[in-house]
């Protein structure tokens, strides 16, 4: 009787399913939670990146792809017919001097970019020290960058017109005001480049100021104890630490000088020798209905900017700066 009971209990234990195995297979045990946690941890970054990636592809890469496709056609921007012309548009761009002559206008804005970087670096360095009313000066320097470019164009259009604000100010000092500031290519491009300096200095100023303020204060205290002057602090502490930001500003300056559009288009419309490559591209597309040729010009400009950026990164590579 006893042996029969023991045999029955052994059979019952063997037939009973293991709770641990059942819970593991159903995904409700500790192992299942760990698997789901790992999968969720891997998928979470992609879930956050999904919306920005969709917007980036939709509004950046798809239009760029269409632009490259249009550059190999004779599309006029209106007709549904798009005849494939091969590299004919690119041949026109590189064989017609008037299409590339406008790049010389970019030298005015490149010189203006050098000036605005120097001005921004100077004020960022000065205002990084403890000065009176420095917050007020920070706001005054950054304020022009917040103004809409179209509004700036109209304001300075009246500023440079005959008998305008500039002529009135110069007349107070007895200077000759009989000069059309936007009437000849040299003075017009110089005036427009000066407007770009006034507008974009604030952006570089904020970039430099943020980089300078990230420098540990102990370095300045040690430099002052060693008797270092302001210039020595700038040369040995500030300049090395902001080198990556300075490199970024140079890249933005070069690309911006090649792609100038807003201010000259509003103020002169590209007249009197102030037409830039972008203004010319817009006119090709919307005034002469040569969208294919304009797309090729835009592709050429994109490649030039990428090439210059690559050369600049090769000549001045980023270096890890460790001042502490």
C-alpha atoms as a PDB file:
ATOM      1  CA  UNK A   1       0.000   0.000   0.000  1.00  0.00           C
ATOM      2  CA  UNK A   2       2.772   2.379   0.873  1.00  0.00           C
ATOM      3  CA  UNK A   3       4.762   1.541  -2.256  1.00  0.00           C
ATOM      4  CA  UNK A   4       1.728   2.159  -4.413  1.00  0.00           C
ATOM      5  CA  UNK A   5       1.206   5.603  -2.846  1.00  0.00           C
ATOM      6  CA  UNK A   6       4.862   6.580  -3.389  1.00  0.00           C
ATOM      7  CA  UNK A   7       4.765   5.472  -7.041  1.00  0.00           C
ATOM      8  CA  UNK A   8       1.596   7.524  -7.621  1.00  0.00           C
ATOM      9  CA  UNK A   9       3.133  10.636  -6.027  1.00  0.00           C
ATOM     10  CA  UNK A  10       6.269  10.308  -8.205  1.00  0.00           C
ATOM     11  CA  UNK A  11       4.123  10.029 -11.334  1.00  0.00           C
ATOM     12  CA  UNK A  12       2.127  13.068 -10.258  1.00  0.00           C
ATOM     13  CA  UNK A  13       5.299  15.159  -9.783  1.00  0.00           C
ATOM     14  CA  UNK A  14       6.629  14.109 -13.191  1.00  0.00           C
ATOM     15  CA  UNK A  15       3.339  14.917 -14.906  1.00  0.00           C
ATOM     16  CA  UNK A  16       3.033  18.343 -13.246  1.00  0.00           C
ATOM     17  CA  UNK A  17       4.484  21.135 -15.444  1.00  0.00           C
ATOM     18  CA  UNK A  18       7.359  23.161 -14.115  1.00  0.00           C
ATOM     19  CA  UNK A  19       6.154  26.648 -13.090  1.00  0.00           C
ATOM     20  CA  UNK A  20       9.513  28.225 -14.005  1.00  0.00           C
ATOM     21  CA  UNK A  21       9.546  26.829 -17.527  1.00  0.00           C
ATOM     22  CA  UNK A  22       5.933  27.809 -18.171  1.00  0.00           C
ATOM     23  CA  UNK A  23       6.452  31.387 -17.002  1.00  0.00           C
ATOM     24  CA  UNK A  24       9.629  31.688 -19.087  1.00  0.00           C
ATOM     25  CA  UNK A  25       7.916  30.459 -22.241  1.00  0.00           C
ATOM     26  CA  UNK A  26       4.936  32.738 -21.777  1.00  0.00           C
ATOM     27  CA  UNK A  27       7.224  35.758 -21.428  1.00  0.00           C
ATOM     28  CA  UNK A  28       5.908  36.689 -17.987  1.00  0.00           C
ATOM     29  CA  UNK A  29       8.908  35.649 -15.958  1.00  0.00           C
ATOM     30  CA  UNK A  30      12.091  37.578 -15.180  1.00  0.00           C
ATOM     31  CA  UNK A  31      13.720  36.366 -18.409  1.00  0.00           C
ATOM     32  CA  UNK A  32      10.885  37.667 -20.564  1.00  0.00           C
ATOM     33  CA  UNK A  33      10.960  41.056 -18.873  1.00  0.00           C
ATOM     34  CA  UNK A  34      14.685  41.321 -19.489  1.00  0.00           C
ATOM     35  CA  UNK A  35      14.278  40.508 -23.200  1.00  0.00           C
ATOM     36  CA  UNK A  36      11.513  43.057 -23.615  1.00  0.00           C
ATOM     37  CA  UNK A  37      13.552  45.639 -21.719  1.00  0.00           C
ATOM     38  CA  UNK A  38      16.543  45.147 -24.018  1.00  0.00           C
ATOM     39  CA  UNK A  39      14.399  45.370 -27.142  1.00  0.00           C
ATOM     40  CA  UNK A  40      12.679  48.494 -25.873  1.00  0.00           C
ATOM     41  CA  UNK A  41      16.015  50.052 -24.924  1.00  0.00           C
ATOM     42  CA  UNK A  42      17.357  49.464 -28.417  1.00  0.00           C
ATOM     43  CA  UNK A  43      14.222  50.751 -30.134  1.00  0.00           C
ATOM     44  CA  UNK A  44      13.709  53.881 -27.995  1.00  0.00           C
ATOM     45  CA  UNK A  45      16.402  56.063 -29.667  1.00  0.00           C
ATOM     46  CA  UNK A  46      15.044  55.173 -33.110  1.00  0.00           C
ATOM     47  CA  UNK A  47      11.512  56.028 -32.008  1.00  0.00           C
ATOM     48  CA  UNK A  48      12.686  59.491 -30.947  1.00  0.00           C
ATOM     49  CA  UNK A  49      14.619  59.892 -34.225  1.00  0.00           C
ATOM     50  CA  UNK A  50      11.753  58.732 -36.419  1.00  0.00           C
ATOM     51  CA  UNK A  51       9.911  62.069 -36.701  1.00  0.00           C
ATOM     52  CA  UNK A  52      13.050  64.197 -37.338  1.00  0.00           C
ATOM     53  CA  UNK A  53      14.304  61.676 -39.894  1.00  0.00           C
ATOM     54  CA  UNK A  54      10.991  61.713 -41.744  1.00  0.00           C
ATOM     55  CA  UNK A  55      11.024  65.528 -41.855  1.00  0.00           C
ATOM     56  CA  UNK A  56      14.685  65.611 -42.886  1.00  0.00           C
ATOM     57  CA  UNK A  57      14.193  63.136 -45.735  1.00  0.00           C
ATOM     58  CA  UNK A  58      10.928  64.740 -46.895  1.00  0.00           C
ATOM     59  CA  UNK A  59      12.029  68.368 -46.902  1.00  0.00           C
ATOM     60  CA  UNK A  60      15.788  68.046 -47.570  1.00  0.00           C
ATOM     61  CA  UNK A  61      16.944  64.903 -49.321  1.00  0.00           C
ATOM     62  CA  UNK A  62      13.910  64.419 -51.561  1.00  0.00           C
ATOM     63  CA  UNK A  63      14.061  68.035 -52.881  1.00  0.00           C
ATOM     64  CA  UNK A  64      17.820  67.697 -53.411  1.00  0.00           C
ATOM     65  CA  UNK A  65      17.246  64.494 -55.336  1.00  0.00           C
ATOM     66  CA  UNK A  66      14.609  66.193 -57.482  1.00  0.00           C
ATOM     67  CA  UNK A  67      16.949  69.122 -58.087  1.00  0.00           C
ATOM     68  CA  UNK A  68      19.689  66.794 -59.321  1.00  0.00           C
ATOM     69  CA  UNK A  69      17.175  65.092 -61.615  1.00  0.00           C
ATOM     70  CA  UNK A  70      15.937  68.431 -63.000  1.00  0.00           C
ATOM     71  CA  UNK A  71      19.526  69.499 -63.712  1.00  0.00           C
ATOM     72  CA  UNK A  72      19.715  66.842 -66.447  1.00  0.00           C
ATOM     73  CA  UNK A  73      16.513  68.017 -68.167  1.00  0.00           C
ATOM     74  CA  UNK A  74      15.275  71.060 -70.073  1.00  0.00           C
ATOM     75  CA  UNK A  75      12.286  71.573 -67.779  1.00  0.00           C
ATOM     76  CA  UNK A  76      10.864  75.093 -67.757  1.00  0.00           C
ATOM     77  CA  UNK A  77       9.191  74.729 -64.363  1.00  0.00           C
ATOM     78  CA  UNK A  78       5.652  74.766 -65.805  1.00  0.00           C
ATOM     79  CA  UNK A  79       5.312  72.192 -68.557  1.00  0.00           C
ATOM     80  CA  UNK A  80       4.797  68.549 -67.553  1.00  0.00           C
ATOM     81  CA  UNK A  81       7.314  67.544 -70.244  1.00  0.00           C
ATOM     82  CA  UNK A  82      10.854  67.034 -69.023  1.00  0.00           C
ATOM     83  CA  UNK A  83      13.224  66.042 -71.810  1.00  0.00           C
ATOM     84  CA  UNK A  84      16.500  64.481 -70.755  1.00  0.00           C
ATOM     85  CA  UNK A  85      19.448  66.552 -72.029  1.00  0.00           C
ATOM     86  CA  UNK A  86      22.366  64.846 -70.321  1.00  0.00           C
ATOM     87  CA  UNK A  87      25.151  67.154 -69.146  1.00  0.00           C
ATOM     88  CA  UNK A  88      24.160  69.993 -71.479  1.00  0.00           C
ATOM     89  CA  UNK A  89      23.156  72.288 -68.589  1.00  0.00           C
ATOM     90  CA  UNK A  90      26.486  71.778 -66.850  1.00  0.00           C
ATOM     91  CA  UNK A  91      28.344  72.451 -70.109  1.00  0.00           C
ATOM     92  CA  UNK A  92      26.515  75.770 -70.427  1.00  0.00           C
ATOM     93  CA  UNK A  93      27.410  76.779 -66.882  1.00  0.00           C
ATOM     94  CA  UNK A  94      31.119  76.141 -67.349  1.00  0.00           C
ATOM     95  CA  UNK A  95      31.321  77.581 -70.874  1.00  0.00           C
ATOM     96  CA  UNK A  96      29.325  80.803 -70.412  1.00  0.00           C
ATOM     97  CA  UNK A  97      31.534  83.348 -68.589  1.00  0.00           C
ATOM     98  CA  UNK A  98      28.599  85.538 -67.527  1.00  0.00           C
ATOM     99  CA  UNK A  99      27.257  82.715 -65.370  1.00  0.00           C
ATOM    100  CA  UNK A 100      30.472  82.427 -63.367  1.00  0.00           C
ATOM    101  CA  UNK A 101      31.398  86.103 -63.348  1.00  0.00           C
ATOM    102  CA  UNK A 102      28.971  86.748 -60.499  1.00  0.00           C
ATOM    103  CA  UNK A 103      31.205  84.744 -58.176  1.00  0.00           C
ATOM    104  CA  UNK A 104      33.508  87.778 -57.990  1.00  0.00           C
ATOM    105  CA  UNK A 105      30.787  89.565 -56.016  1.00  0.00           C
ATOM    106  CA  UNK A 106      31.247  86.951 -53.295  1.00  0.00           C
ATOM    107  CA  UNK A 107      34.688  88.383 -52.501  1.00  0.00           C
ATOM    108  CA  UNK A 108      33.023  91.479 -51.036  1.00  0.00           C
ATOM    109  CA  UNK A 109      30.997  89.319 -48.670  1.00  0.00           C
ATOM    110  CA  UNK A 110      33.996  87.119 -47.894  1.00  0.00           C
ATOM    111  CA  UNK A 111      35.933  90.209 -46.786  1.00  0.00           C
ATOM    112  CA  UNK A 112      32.890  91.284 -44.785  1.00  0.00           C
ATOM    113  CA  UNK A 113      32.820  87.850 -43.123  1.00  0.00           C
ATOM    114  CA  UNK A 114      36.430  88.259 -42.034  1.00  0.00           C
ATOM    115  CA  UNK A 115      35.558  91.648 -40.556  1.00  0.00           C
ATOM    116  CA  UNK A 116      32.514  90.347 -38.710  1.00  0.00           C
ATOM    117  CA  UNK A 117      34.464  87.407 -37.245  1.00  0.00           C
ATOM    118  CA  UNK A 118      37.170  89.783 -36.012  1.00  0.00           C
ATOM    119  CA  UNK A 119      34.616  92.203 -34.519  1.00  0.00           C
ATOM    120  CA  UNK A 120      32.632  89.393 -32.908  1.00  0.00           C
ATOM    121  CA  UNK A 121      35.762  87.829 -31.418  1.00  0.00           C
ATOM    122  CA  UNK A 122      36.904  91.165 -30.020  1.00  0.00           C
ATOM    123  CA  UNK A 123      33.593  91.950 -28.296  1.00  0.00           C
ATOM    124  CA  UNK A 124      33.140  88.370 -27.087  1.00  0.00           C
ATOM    125  CA  UNK A 125      36.563  88.503 -25.453  1.00  0.00           C
ATOM    126  CA  UNK A 126      36.022  91.931 -23.891  1.00  0.00           C
ATOM    127  CA  UNK A 127      32.507  91.179 -22.624  1.00  0.00           C
ATOM    128  CA  UNK A 128      33.567  87.825 -21.168  1.00  0.00           C
ATOM    129  CA  UNK A 129      35.346  89.733 -18.407  1.00  0.00           C
ATOM    130  CA  UNK A 130      33.570  91.478 -15.584  1.00  0.00           C
ATOM    131  CA  UNK A 131      32.569  94.830 -17.090  1.00  0.00           C
ATOM    132  CA  UNK A 132      29.829  97.281 -16.260  1.00  0.00           C
ATOM    133  CA  UNK A 133      26.683  97.080 -18.431  1.00  0.00           C
ATOM    134  CA  UNK A 134      28.069  94.067 -20.266  1.00  0.00           C
ATOM    135  CA  UNK A 135      24.618  92.422 -20.471  1.00  0.00           C
ATOM    136  CA  UNK A 136      23.293  95.539 -22.196  1.00  0.00           C
ATOM    137  CA  UNK A 137      26.070  95.414 -24.780  1.00  0.00           C
ATOM    138  CA  UNK A 138      25.453  91.702 -25.335  1.00  0.00           C
ATOM    139  CA  UNK A 139      21.834  92.434 -26.176  1.00  0.00           C
ATOM    140  CA  UNK A 140      22.744  95.303 -28.490  1.00  0.00           C
ATOM    141  CA  UNK A 141      25.204  93.152 -30.423  1.00  0.00           C
ATOM    142  CA  UNK A 142      22.846  90.199 -30.826  1.00  0.00           C
ATOM    143  CA  UNK A 143      19.693  92.204 -31.565  1.00  0.00           C
ATOM    144  CA  UNK A 144      20.339  92.777 -35.329  1.00  0.00           C
ATOM    145  CA  UNK A 145      20.441  89.014 -35.914  1.00  0.00           C
ATOM    146  CA  UNK A 146      16.882  88.701 -34.573  1.00  0.00           C
ATOM    147  CA  UNK A 147      15.443  91.130 -37.132  1.00  0.00           C
ATOM    148  CA  UNK A 148      13.893  89.732 -40.295  1.00  0.00           C
ATOM    149  CA  UNK A 149      16.166  90.003 -43.327  1.00  0.00           C
ATOM    150  CA  UNK A 150      13.473  91.591 -45.500  1.00  0.00           C
ATOM    151  CA  UNK A 151      12.923  94.322 -42.904  1.00  0.00           C
ATOM    152  CA  UNK A 152      16.666  94.938 -42.731  1.00  0.00           C
ATOM    153  CA  UNK A 153      16.810  95.262 -46.509  1.00  0.00           C
ATOM    154  CA  UNK A 154      14.085  97.910 -46.585  1.00  0.00           C
ATOM    155  CA  UNK A 155      15.573  99.826 -43.650  1.00  0.00           C
ATOM    156  CA  UNK A 156      19.016 100.066 -45.236  1.00  0.00           C
ATOM    157  CA  UNK A 157      17.493 100.797 -48.632  1.00  0.00           C
ATOM    158  CA  UNK A 158      16.296 104.107 -47.194  1.00  0.00           C
ATOM    159  CA  UNK A 159      19.546 104.436 -45.259  1.00  0.00           C
ATOM    160  CA  UNK A 160      21.662 104.442 -48.451  1.00  0.00           C
ATOM    161  CA  UNK A 161      19.324 106.297 -50.804  1.00  0.00           C
ATOM    162  CA  UNK A 162      20.144 109.804 -52.068  1.00  0.00           C
ATOM    163  CA  UNK A 163      19.462 112.289 -49.287  1.00  0.00           C
ATOM    164  CA  UNK A 164      18.787 109.456 -46.871  1.00  0.00           C
ATOM    165  CA  UNK A 165      20.011 108.797 -43.360  1.00  0.00           C
ATOM    166  CA  UNK A 166      23.651 108.276 -44.276  1.00  0.00           C
ATOM    167  CA  UNK A 167      23.833 111.471 -46.326  1.00  0.00           C
ATOM    168  CA  UNK A 168      22.167 113.419 -43.515  1.00  0.00           C
ATOM    169  CA  UNK A 169      24.671 112.163 -40.946  1.00  0.00           C
ATOM    170  CA  UNK A 170      27.628 112.904 -43.221  1.00  0.00           C
ATOM    171  CA  UNK A 171      26.342 116.423 -43.889  1.00  0.00           C
ATOM    172  CA  UNK A 172      26.593 117.182 -40.157  1.00  0.00           C
ATOM    173  CA  UNK A 173      30.368 116.735 -40.426  1.00  0.00           C
ATOM    174  CA  UNK A 174      30.644 118.725 -43.632  1.00  0.00           C
ATOM    175  CA  UNK A 175      31.306 115.689 -45.831  1.00  0.00           C
ATOM    176  CA  UNK A 176      30.284 115.562 -49.471  1.00  0.00           C
ATOM    177  CA  UNK A 177      26.953 113.756 -49.791  1.00  0.00           C
ATOM    178  CA  UNK A 178      26.665 113.942 -53.568  1.00  0.00           C
ATOM    179  CA  UNK A 179      27.240 110.216 -54.019  1.00  0.00           C
ATOM    180  CA  UNK A 180      24.917 107.400 -55.121  1.00  0.00           C
ATOM    181  CA  UNK A 181      25.816 104.660 -52.653  1.00  0.00           C
ATOM    182  CA  UNK A 182      23.931 102.012 -54.609  1.00  0.00           C
ATOM    183  CA  UNK A 183      24.628 103.536 -58.017  1.00  0.00           C
ATOM    184  CA  UNK A 184      27.905 101.867 -59.019  1.00  0.00           C
ATOM    185  CA  UNK A 185      29.132  98.286 -58.467  1.00  0.00           C
ATOM    186  CA  UNK A 186      31.985  99.060 -56.076  1.00  0.00           C
ATOM    187  CA  UNK A 187      30.111 101.269 -53.599  1.00  0.00           C
ATOM    188  CA  UNK A 188      26.945  99.182 -53.915  1.00  0.00           C
ATOM    189  CA  UNK A 189      28.667  95.890 -53.119  1.00  0.00           C
ATOM    190  CA  UNK A 190      30.647  97.525 -50.319  1.00  0.00           C
ATOM    191  CA  UNK A 191      27.457  98.948 -48.822  1.00  0.00           C
ATOM    192  CA  UNK A 192      25.633  95.620 -49.051  1.00  0.00           C
ATOM    193  CA  UNK A 193      28.575  93.802 -47.500  1.00  0.00           C
ATOM    194  CA  UNK A 194      28.548  96.337 -44.664  1.00  0.00           C
ATOM    195  CA  UNK A 195      24.896  95.544 -44.024  1.00  0.00           C
ATOM    196  CA  UNK A 196      25.749  91.842 -43.755  1.00  0.00           C
ATOM    197  CA  UNK A 197      28.449  92.689 -41.195  1.00  0.00           C
ATOM    198  CA  UNK A 198      25.914  94.598 -39.109  1.00  0.00           C
ATOM    199  CA  UNK A 199      23.411  91.773 -39.258  1.00  0.00           C
ATOM    200  CA  UNK A 200      25.510  88.623 -38.753  1.00  0.00           C
ATOM    201  CA  UNK A 201      28.112  89.822 -36.263  1.00  0.00           C
ATOM    202  CA  UNK A 202      25.725  88.927 -33.444  1.00  0.00           C
ATOM    203  CA  UNK A 203      25.618  85.261 -34.463  1.00  0.00           C
ATOM    204  CA  UNK A 204      29.387  84.873 -34.341  1.00  0.00           C
ATOM    205  CA  UNK A 205      29.468  86.904 -31.140  1.00  0.00           C
ATOM    206  CA  UNK A 206      27.115  84.461 -29.387  1.00  0.00           C
ATOM    207  CA  UNK A 207      29.103  81.444 -30.610  1.00  0.00           C
ATOM    208  CA  UNK A 208      32.395  82.899 -29.397  1.00  0.00           C
ATOM    209  CA  UNK A 209      30.956  84.115 -26.111  1.00  0.00           C
ATOM    210  CA  UNK A 210      29.491  80.693 -25.317  1.00  0.00           C
ATOM    211  CA  UNK A 211      32.832  79.016 -26.035  1.00  0.00           C
ATOM    212  CA  UNK A 212      34.754  81.539 -23.926  1.00  0.00           C
ATOM    213  CA  UNK A 213      32.391  81.248 -20.969  1.00  0.00           C
ATOM    214  CA  UNK A 214      32.841  77.461 -20.964  1.00  0.00           C
ATOM    215  CA  UNK A 215      36.518  77.889 -20.018  1.00  0.00           C
ATOM    216  CA  UNK A 216      37.120  77.059 -16.337  1.00  0.00           C
ATOM    217  CA  UNK A 217      37.548  80.167 -14.205  1.00  0.00           C
ATOM    218  CA  UNK A 218      40.493  78.627 -12.382  1.00  0.00           C
ATOM    219  CA  UNK A 219      42.630  79.151 -15.471  1.00  0.00           C
ATOM    220  CA  UNK A 220      42.037  82.902 -15.396  1.00  0.00           C
ATOM    221  CA  UNK A 221      42.798  83.029 -11.675  1.00  0.00           C
ATOM    222  CA  UNK A 222      46.056  81.118 -12.176  1.00  0.00           C
ATOM    223  CA  UNK A 223      47.000  83.404 -15.076  1.00  0.00           C
ATOM    224  CA  UNK A 224      46.348  86.521 -12.988  1.00  0.00           C
ATOM    225  CA  UNK A 225      48.468  85.135 -10.162  1.00  0.00           C
ATOM    226  CA  UNK A 226      51.284  84.614 -12.660  1.00  0.00           C
ATOM    227  CA  UNK A 227      50.925  88.224 -13.814  1.00  0.00           C
ATOM    228  CA  UNK A 228      49.478  87.476 -17.268  1.00  0.00           C
ATOM    229  CA  UNK A 229      47.990  90.415 -19.148  1.00  0.00           C
ATOM    230  CA  UNK A 230      44.634  90.372 -20.968  1.00  0.00           C
ATOM    231  CA  UNK A 231      46.395  89.780 -24.267  1.00  0.00           C
ATOM    232  CA  UNK A 232      48.384  86.861 -22.829  1.00  0.00           C
ATOM    233  CA  UNK A 233      45.196  85.360 -21.407  1.00  0.00           C
ATOM    234  CA  UNK A 234      43.577  85.632 -24.823  1.00  0.00           C
ATOM    235  CA  UNK A 235      46.576  84.149 -26.623  1.00  0.00           C
ATOM    236  CA  UNK A 236      47.276  81.212 -24.322  1.00  0.00           C
ATOM    237  CA  UNK A 237      43.836  80.441 -22.842  1.00  0.00           C
ATOM    238  CA  UNK A 238      40.979  81.805 -24.938  1.00  0.00           C
ATOM    239  CA  UNK A 239      42.342  81.310 -28.468  1.00  0.00           C
ATOM    240  CA  UNK A 240      43.220  77.602 -28.085  1.00  0.00           C
ATOM    241  CA  UNK A 241      39.913  76.779 -26.397  1.00  0.00           C
ATOM    242  CA  UNK A 242      37.678  78.357 -29.048  1.00  0.00           C
ATOM    243  CA  UNK A 243      39.531  76.910 -32.037  1.00  0.00           C
ATOM    244  CA  UNK A 244      36.725  74.447 -32.967  1.00  0.00           C
ATOM    245  CA  UNK A 245      34.121  77.234 -32.803  1.00  0.00           C
ATOM    246  CA  UNK A 246      36.361  79.521 -34.843  1.00  0.00           C
ATOM    247  CA  UNK A 247      36.721  76.800 -37.463  1.00  0.00           C
ATOM    248  CA  UNK A 248      32.935  76.453 -37.595  1.00  0.00           C
ATOM    249  CA  UNK A 249      32.556  80.214 -38.035  1.00  0.00           C
ATOM    250  CA  UNK A 250      34.990  80.187 -40.953  1.00  0.00           C
ATOM    251  CA  UNK A 251      33.004  77.416 -42.653  1.00  0.00           C
ATOM    252  CA  UNK A 252      29.762  79.349 -42.170  1.00  0.00           C
ATOM    253  CA  UNK A 253      31.414  82.527 -43.440  1.00  0.00           C
ATOM    254  CA  UNK A 254      32.702  80.931 -46.649  1.00  0.00           C
ATOM    255  CA  UNK A 255      29.450  79.118 -47.428  1.00  0.00           C
ATOM    256  CA  UNK A 256      27.421  82.218 -46.557  1.00  0.00           C
ATOM    257  CA  UNK A 257      29.495  84.485 -48.803  1.00  0.00           C
ATOM    258  CA  UNK A 258      28.916  82.138 -51.735  1.00  0.00           C
ATOM    259  CA  UNK A 259      25.172  81.825 -51.092  1.00  0.00           C
ATOM    260  CA  UNK A 260      24.242  85.467 -50.409  1.00  0.00           C
ATOM    261  CA  UNK A 261      20.707  86.245 -51.527  1.00  0.00           C
ATOM    262  CA  UNK A 262      18.397  88.068 -49.149  1.00  0.00           C
ATOM    263  CA  UNK A 263      19.941  91.512 -48.664  1.00  0.00           C
ATOM    264  CA  UNK A 264      21.105  92.235 -52.253  1.00  0.00           C
ATOM    265  CA  UNK A 265      17.868  90.889 -53.705  1.00  0.00           C
ATOM    266  CA  UNK A 266      15.730  93.149 -51.508  1.00  0.00           C
ATOM    267  CA  UNK A 267      17.894  96.262 -51.838  1.00  0.00           C
ATOM    268  CA  UNK A 268      18.999  96.190 -55.478  1.00  0.00           C
ATOM    269  CA  UNK A 269      17.439  93.142 -57.097  1.00  0.00           C
ATOM    270  CA  UNK A 270      20.871  92.268 -58.471  1.00  0.00           C
ATOM    271  CA  UNK A 271      21.209  95.544 -60.409  1.00  0.00           C
ATOM    272  CA  UNK A 272      24.374  97.674 -60.725  1.00  0.00           C
ATOM    273  CA  UNK A 273      26.674  94.651 -60.596  1.00  0.00           C
ATOM    274  CA  UNK A 274      25.373  93.308 -57.262  1.00  0.00           C
ATOM    275  CA  UNK A 275      23.906  90.066 -58.600  1.00  0.00           C
ATOM    276  CA  UNK A 276      25.117  86.995 -56.742  1.00  0.00           C
ATOM    277  CA  UNK A 277      25.145  83.398 -57.907  1.00  0.00           C
ATOM    278  CA  UNK A 278      21.948  82.636 -56.022  1.00  0.00           C
ATOM    279  CA  UNK A 279      20.141  85.688 -57.419  1.00  0.00           C
ATOM    280  CA  UNK A 280      21.204  84.656 -60.900  1.00  0.00           C
ATOM    281  CA  UNK A 281      19.943  81.119 -60.267  1.00  0.00           C
ATOM    282  CA  UNK A 282      16.573  82.422 -59.098  1.00  0.00           C
ATOM    283  CA  UNK A 283      16.272  84.597 -62.199  1.00  0.00           C
ATOM    284  CA  UNK A 284      17.092  81.659 -64.448  1.00  0.00           C
ATOM    285  CA  UNK A 285      14.345  79.600 -62.842  1.00  0.00           C
ATOM    286  CA  UNK A 286      11.534  82.124 -62.373  1.00  0.00           C
ATOM    287  CA  UNK A 287      12.277  84.936 -64.837  1.00  0.00           C
ATOM    288  CA  UNK A 288      13.637  83.028 -67.836  1.00  0.00           C
ATOM    289  CA  UNK A 289      11.839  79.715 -67.088  1.00  0.00           C
ATOM    290  CA  UNK A 290      15.028  77.663 -67.279  1.00  0.00           C
ATOM    291  CA  UNK A 291      14.492  75.461 -64.255  1.00  0.00           C
ATOM    292  CA  UNK A 292      16.799  72.739 -65.575  1.00  0.00           C
ATOM    293  CA  UNK A 293      19.691  75.160 -66.011  1.00  0.00           C
ATOM    294  CA  UNK A 294      18.952  76.779 -62.633  1.00  0.00           C
ATOM    295  CA  UNK A 295      18.962  73.347 -60.970  1.00  0.00           C
ATOM    296  CA  UNK A 296      22.353  72.613 -62.492  1.00  0.00           C
ATOM    297  CA  UNK A 297      23.644  75.945 -61.175  1.00  0.00           C
ATOM    298  CA  UNK A 298      22.341  75.076 -57.708  1.00  0.00           C
ATOM    299  CA  UNK A 299      24.056  71.678 -57.851  1.00  0.00           C
ATOM    300  CA  UNK A 300      27.332  73.347 -58.882  1.00  0.00           C
ATOM    301  CA  UNK A 301      27.059  75.797 -55.982  1.00  0.00           C
ATOM    302  CA  UNK A 302      26.397  72.925 -53.564  1.00  0.00           C
ATOM    303  CA  UNK A 303      29.441  71.027 -54.818  1.00  0.00           C
ATOM    304  CA  UNK A 304      31.646  74.132 -54.564  1.00  0.00           C
ATOM    305  CA  UNK A 305      30.581  74.721 -50.954  1.00  0.00           C
ATOM    306  CA  UNK A 306      31.172  71.066 -50.061  1.00  0.00           C
ATOM    307  CA  UNK A 307      34.595  71.150 -51.728  1.00  0.00           C
ATOM    308  CA  UNK A 308      35.668  74.319 -49.927  1.00  0.00           C
ATOM    309  CA  UNK A 309      34.419  72.919 -46.617  1.00  0.00           C
ATOM    310  CA  UNK A 310      36.338  69.686 -47.184  1.00  0.00           C
ATOM    311  CA  UNK A 311      39.536  71.575 -48.032  1.00  0.00           C
ATOM    312  CA  UNK A 312      39.146  73.774 -44.979  1.00  0.00           C
ATOM    313  CA  UNK A 313      38.643  70.742 -42.730  1.00  0.00           C
ATOM    314  CA  UNK A 314      41.723  69.107 -44.201  1.00  0.00           C
ATOM    315  CA  UNK A 315      43.897  72.189 -43.792  1.00  0.00           C
ATOM    316  CA  UNK A 316      42.642  73.014 -40.291  1.00  0.00           C
ATOM    317  CA  UNK A 317      41.478  69.776 -38.659  1.00  0.00           C
ATOM    318  CA  UNK A 318      39.750  69.797 -35.310  1.00  0.00           C
ATOM    319  CA  UNK A 319      42.080  69.156 -32.423  1.00  0.00           C
ATOM    320  CA  UNK A 320      41.058  68.100 -28.963  1.00  0.00           C
ATOM    321  CA  UNK A 321      41.830  70.950 -26.600  1.00  0.00           C
ATOM    322  CA  UNK A 322      42.508  70.047 -22.974  1.00  0.00           C
ATOM    323  CA  UNK A 323      43.355  73.088 -20.900  1.00  0.00           C
ATOM    324  CA  UNK A 324      42.794  71.557 -17.491  1.00  0.00           C
END
